[in-house]
C-alpha atoms as a PDB file:
ATOM      1  CA  MET A   1      18.574 -18.814  12.885  1.00  0.00           C
ATOM      2  CA  ALA A   2      17.517 -21.042  15.992  1.00  0.00           C
ATOM      3  CA  LEU A   3      13.616 -21.139  16.737  1.00  0.00           C
ATOM      4  CA  ALA A   4      12.624 -19.607  19.769  1.00  0.00           C
ATOM      5  CA  TRP A   5      11.076 -22.398  20.927  1.00  0.00           C
ATOM      6  CA  GLN A   6       8.469 -22.570  24.158  1.00  0.00           C
ATOM      7  CA  THR A   7       8.175 -24.772  27.209  1.00  0.00           C
ATOM      8  CA  ILE A   8       5.310 -26.492  28.236  1.00  0.00           C
ATOM      9  CA  ASP A   9       6.702 -29.025  31.051  1.00  0.00           C
ATOM     10  CA  LEU A  10       8.948 -30.817  31.982  1.00  0.00           C
ATOM     11  CA  VAL A  11       7.738 -34.901  32.383  1.00  0.00           C
ATOM     12  CA  ARG A  12       8.650 -37.850  34.154  1.00  0.00           C
ATOM     13  CA  VAL A  13       8.614 -41.325  32.171  1.00  0.00           C
ATOM     14  CA  PRO A  14       8.485 -43.956  33.898  1.00  0.00           C
ATOM     15  CA  SER A  15       9.168 -47.615  32.145  1.00  0.00           C
ATOM     16  CA  TYR A  16       6.568 -49.167  33.581  1.00  0.00           C
ATOM     17  CA  PRO A  17       3.607 -46.962  33.577  1.00  0.00           C
ATOM     18  CA  ALA A  18       0.292 -47.814  34.982  1.00  0.00           C
ATOM     19  CA  GLY A  19      -1.279 -48.392  31.783  1.00  0.00           C
ATOM     20  CA  LEU A  20       0.892 -48.619  28.665  1.00  0.00           C
ATOM     21  CA  TRP A  21       1.067 -44.841  27.861  1.00  0.00           C
ATOM     22  CA  THR A  22       2.410 -42.300  30.498  1.00  0.00           C
ATOM     23  CA  LEU A  23      -0.071 -39.205  29.696  1.00  0.00           C
ATOM     24  CA  ALA A  24       2.626 -36.197  29.361  1.00  0.00           C
ATOM     25  CA  GLN A  25      -0.316 -33.379  28.185  1.00  0.00           C
ATOM     26  CA  GLU A  26      -3.976 -33.666  28.503  1.00  0.00           C
ATOM     27  CA  PHE A  27      -3.848 -31.891  24.864  1.00  0.00           C
ATOM     28  CA  VAL A  28      -1.477 -30.788  22.871  1.00  0.00           C
ATOM     29  CA  PRO A  29      -2.573 -28.038  19.942  1.00  0.00           C
ATOM     30  CA  GLY A  30      -1.828 -28.287  16.386  1.00  0.00           C
ATOM     31  CA  SER A  31      -0.472 -25.740  14.135  1.00  0.00           C
ATOM     32  CA  ARG A  32       2.744 -25.824  15.987  1.00  0.00           C
ATOM     33  CA  LEU A  33       5.912 -28.077  15.983  1.00  0.00           C
ATOM     34  CA  LEU A  34       6.240 -30.074  19.394  1.00  0.00           C
ATOM     35  CA  ARG A  35       9.855 -31.097  20.099  1.00  0.00           C
ATOM     36  CA  LEU A  36      10.636 -33.794  23.275  1.00  0.00           C
ATOM     37  CA  ARG A  37      14.177 -33.866  24.663  1.00  0.00           C
ATOM     38  CA  THR A  38      15.931 -36.630  27.339  1.00  0.00           C
ATOM     39  CA  VAL A  39      17.029 -34.590  30.199  1.00  0.00           C
ATOM     40  CA  ASN A  40      19.743 -35.264  32.365  1.00  0.00           C
ATOM     41  CA  GLN A  41      18.139 -32.927  35.457  1.00  0.00           C
ATOM     42  CA  ASP A  42      14.602 -32.932  37.217  1.00  0.00           C
ATOM     43  CA  LYS A  43      12.337 -29.961  37.955  1.00  0.00           C
ATOM     44  CA  ASP A  44      14.818 -29.016  40.775  1.00  0.00           C
ATOM     45  CA  GLY A  45      17.959 -29.300  38.868  1.00  0.00           C
ATOM     46  CA  ALA A  46      18.913 -32.382  40.377  1.00  0.00           C
ATOM     47  CA  PRO A  47      20.358 -35.337  37.970  1.00  0.00           C
ATOM     48  CA  VAL A  48      18.096 -37.919  36.762  1.00  0.00           C
ATOM     49  CA  ALA A  49      19.301 -41.126  35.170  1.00  0.00           C
ATOM     50  CA  THR A  50      19.427 -41.076  31.079  1.00  0.00           C
ATOM     51  CA  ILE A  51      19.094 -44.684  30.855  1.00  0.00           C
ATOM     52  CA  TRP A  52      16.555 -47.342  31.567  1.00  0.00           C
ATOM     53  CA  SER A  53      15.889 -51.087  31.705  1.00  0.00           C
ATOM     54  CA  PRO A  54      13.796 -53.266  29.161  1.00  0.00           C
ATOM     55  CA  ALA A  55      14.644 -56.151  30.833  1.00  0.00           C
ATOM     56  CA  ASP A  56      16.655 -57.686  33.857  1.00  0.00           C
ATOM     57  CA  GLY A  57      20.262 -56.816  33.514  1.00  0.00           C
ATOM     58  CA  VAL A  58      19.759 -55.048  30.018  1.00  0.00           C
ATOM     59  CA  PHE A  59      20.107 -50.968  29.751  1.00  0.00           C
ATOM     60  CA  CYS A  60      19.833 -48.768  26.901  1.00  0.00           C
ATOM     61  CA  GLY A  61      18.695 -45.513  26.225  1.00  0.00           C
ATOM     62  CA  PRO A  62      16.405 -43.326  24.781  1.00  0.00           C
ATOM     63  CA  ASP A  63      16.952 -44.531  21.731  1.00  0.00           C
ATOM     64  CA  GLY A  64      16.829 -48.272  22.384  1.00  0.00           C
ATOM     65  CA  ASP A  65      18.639 -51.236  22.353  1.00  0.00           C
ATOM     66  CA  LEU A  66      19.187 -52.315  18.865  1.00  0.00           C
ATOM     67  CA  THR A  67      20.569 -56.014  19.944  1.00  0.00           C
ATOM     68  CA  ALA A  68      17.111 -56.786  20.904  1.00  0.00           C
ATOM     69  CA  THR A  69      15.670 -58.375  17.779  1.00  0.00           C
ATOM     70  CA  ASP A  70      13.373 -60.802  18.997  1.00  0.00           C
ATOM     71  CA  ARG A  71      11.101 -58.691  20.312  1.00  0.00           C
ATOM     72  CA  LYS A  72       7.312 -59.129  18.323  1.00  0.00           C
ATOM     73  CA  ALA A  73       4.488 -56.790  18.715  1.00  0.00           C
ATOM     74  CA  ILE A  74       5.941 -53.234  19.934  1.00  0.00           C
ATOM     75  CA  LEU A  75       4.008 -50.553  20.429  1.00  0.00           C
ATOM     76  CA  CYS A  76       6.281 -49.055  17.733  1.00  0.00           C
ATOM     77  CA  GLY A  77       7.421 -50.798  14.370  1.00  0.00           C
ATOM     78  CA  SER A  78       9.800 -48.206  13.298  1.00  0.00           C
ATOM     79  CA  ALA A  79      11.727 -47.572  16.936  1.00  0.00           C
ATOM     80  CA  ALA A  80      13.929 -50.491  18.490  1.00  0.00           C
ATOM     81  CA  CYS A  81      13.116 -51.581  21.460  1.00  0.00           C
ATOM     82  CA  GLY A  82      13.504 -49.888  24.808  1.00  0.00           C
ATOM     83  CA  ALA A  83      13.522 -46.771  22.783  1.00  0.00           C
ATOM     84  CA  LEU A  84      11.305 -43.773  24.156  1.00  0.00           C
ATOM     85  CA  VAL A  85       8.275 -43.273  21.725  1.00  0.00           C
ATOM     86  CA  GLY A  86       5.404 -41.587  21.578  1.00  0.00           C
ATOM     87  CA  LYS A  87       1.470 -40.585  20.025  1.00  0.00           C
ATOM     88  CA  ILE A  88      -0.962 -38.000  20.080  1.00  0.00           C
ATOM     89  CA  GLY A  89      -4.078 -39.454  20.840  1.00  0.00           C
ATOM     90  CA  GLY A  90      -5.532 -42.621  22.191  1.00  0.00           C
ATOM     91  CA  SER A  91      -5.296 -43.626  26.264  1.00  0.00           C
ATOM     92  CA  THR A  92      -3.026 -44.444  28.508  1.00  0.00           C
ATOM     93  CA  GLY A  93      -4.307 -48.556  27.710  1.00  0.00           C
ATOM     94  CA  ASP A  94      -4.467 -48.762  23.982  1.00  0.00           C
ATOM     95  CA  LEU A  95      -2.245 -50.464  21.827  1.00  0.00           C
ATOM     96  CA  PRO A  96      -1.617 -48.713  18.455  1.00  0.00           C
ATOM     97  CA  ASP A  97      -4.000 -49.186  15.548  1.00  0.00           C
ATOM     98  CA  SER A  98      -3.986 -51.833  13.031  1.00  0.00           C
ATOM     99  CA  PRO A  99      -3.731 -51.493   9.508  1.00  0.00           C
ATOM    100  CA  GLY A 100      -6.611 -49.718   8.178  1.00  0.00           C
ATOM    101  CA  GLY A 101      -7.316 -48.346  11.606  1.00  0.00           C
ATOM    102  CA  ALA A 102     -10.276 -47.869  13.814  1.00  0.00           C
ATOM    103  CA  SER A 103     -13.296 -45.231  14.148  1.00  0.00           C
ATOM    104  CA  GLY A 104     -13.879 -42.633  16.905  1.00  0.00           C
ATOM    105  CA  PRO A 105     -11.962 -39.152  18.162  1.00  0.00           C
ATOM    106  CA  TYR A 106      -8.404 -40.545  17.990  1.00  0.00           C
ATOM    107  CA  ALA A 107      -8.505 -43.659  15.119  1.00  0.00           C
ATOM    108  CA  GLY A 108      -5.532 -41.707  13.214  1.00  0.00           C
ATOM    109  CA  LYS A 109      -3.473 -41.992  16.256  1.00  0.00           C
ATOM    110  CA  LYS A 110      -0.166 -40.394  15.574  1.00  0.00           C
ATOM    111  CA  VAL A 111       2.969 -43.114  16.599  1.00  0.00           C
ATOM    112  CA  PHE A 112       6.366 -41.684  16.634  1.00  0.00           C
ATOM    113  CA  ALA A 113       9.780 -42.638  17.899  1.00  0.00           C
ATOM    114  CA  VAL A 114      10.404 -39.813  20.061  1.00  0.00           C
ATOM    115  CA  GLY A 115      14.567 -40.830  21.167  1.00  0.00           C
ATOM    116  CA  THR A 116      17.105 -38.481  23.152  1.00  0.00           C
ATOM    117  CA  GLU A 117      15.506 -35.992  20.471  1.00  0.00           C
ATOM    118  CA  CYS A 118      13.088 -35.260  18.364  1.00  0.00           C
ATOM    119  CA  ILE A 119      10.541 -32.699  16.470  1.00  0.00           C
ATOM    120  CA  VAL A 120       6.941 -33.859  15.285  1.00  0.00           C
ATOM    121  CA  SER A 121       5.166 -31.648  13.332  1.00  0.00           C
ATOM    122  CA  LEU A 122       1.200 -30.992  14.409  1.00  0.00           C
ATOM    123  CA  PRO A 123       0.464 -28.947  10.961  1.00  0.00           C
ATOM    124  CA  THR A 124      -3.232 -28.472  11.664  1.00  0.00           C
ATOM    125  CA  ALA A 125      -5.450 -27.860  14.438  1.00  0.00           C
ATOM    126  CA  ALA A 126      -7.160 -31.071  13.495  1.00  0.00           C
ATOM    127  CA  ASP A 127      -3.528 -32.847  14.332  1.00  0.00           C
ATOM    128  CA  GLY A 128      -3.601 -32.078  17.969  1.00  0.00           C
ATOM    129  CA  GLY A 129      -4.580 -34.307  21.008  1.00  0.00           C
ATOM    130  CA  PRO A 130      -3.249 -35.668  24.102  1.00  0.00           C
ATOM    131  CA  LEU A 131       0.235 -36.464  24.376  1.00  0.00           C
ATOM    132  CA  PHE A 132       1.257 -39.868  25.770  1.00  0.00           C
ATOM    133  CA  LEU A 133       5.123 -41.567  26.286  1.00  0.00           C
ATOM    134  CA  THR A 134       6.571 -44.438  27.074  1.00  0.00           C
ATOM    135  CA  MET A 135       9.206 -47.261  26.325  1.00  0.00           C
ATOM    136  CA  ASN A 136       8.914 -49.124  23.440  1.00  0.00           C
ATOM    137  CA  ASP A 137       8.468 -53.064  24.059  1.00  0.00           C
ATOM    138  CA  SER A 138       6.067 -55.569  23.529  1.00  0.00           C
ATOM    139  CA  PRO A 139       3.087 -55.194  26.105  1.00  0.00           C
ATOM    140  CA  GLU A 140       3.649 -58.602  27.931  1.00  0.00           C
ATOM    141  CA  TYR A 141       7.419 -57.577  28.977  1.00  0.00           C
ATOM    142  CA  PHE A 142       6.358 -54.500  30.710  1.00  0.00           C
ATOM    143  CA  PRO A 143       6.388 -55.983  34.249  1.00  0.00           C
ATOM    144  CA  ARG A 144      10.379 -56.652  33.595  1.00  0.00           C
ATOM    145  CA  HIS A 145      11.148 -52.439  32.728  1.00  0.00           C
ATOM    146  CA  ALA A 146      12.941 -50.469  35.149  1.00  0.00           C
ATOM    147  CA  GLY A 147      13.911 -46.546  35.881  1.00  0.00           C
ATOM    148  CA  ASP A 148      12.156 -43.570  34.469  1.00  0.00           C
ATOM    149  CA  LEU A 149      13.477 -40.569  31.540  1.00  0.00           C
ATOM    150  CA  PHE A 150      12.420 -37.398  31.503  1.00  0.00           C
ATOM    151  CA  VAL A 151      11.286 -35.233  28.732  1.00  0.00           C
ATOM    152  CA  LEU A 152      11.320 -31.771  28.053  1.00  0.00           C
ATOM    153  CA  LEU A 153       8.814 -30.404  25.796  1.00  0.00           C
ATOM    154  CA  GLN A 154       8.114 -27.533  23.943  1.00  0.00           C
ATOM    155  CA  TYR A 155       6.950 -26.225  20.906  1.00  0.00           C
ATOM    156  CA  TYR A 156       7.235 -23.259  18.193  1.00  0.00           C
ATOM    157  CA  PRO A 157       3.777 -21.974  16.430  1.00  0.00           C
ATOM    158  CA  LEU A 158       3.517 -22.366  12.834  1.00  0.00           C
END
């Protein structure tokens, strides 16, 4: 049986946002499954690229560049450099928490690899928060980025 996903929005994610992260949704409630899927059309149905560039002459899709092994301190250590990554909680300018975490309302930010498609479980109401997306890389390399991806946001209530 297929799940009846409900569409939230279609979001443009620039590879070089004003901060480190693009605010995709001001608040995603918990008690649901959240599906993020890279698409090849914008809101008007016009074709859009499904690749972006983490550096001059280097192109990759939302699953990242597996040949870029020299990058240190990328935002999401469980994803390839150049991959589409997300987080719930925090702000457009913060880095993921270090082990041991920080205090505050979003101390337990949930940073995760999105890639071409992912489903994130938000099992309780407390798991909700603002949703941010970006290209996975070290912050000092962000000025080299080029391109955008379009991401369809959907949910399924638990």
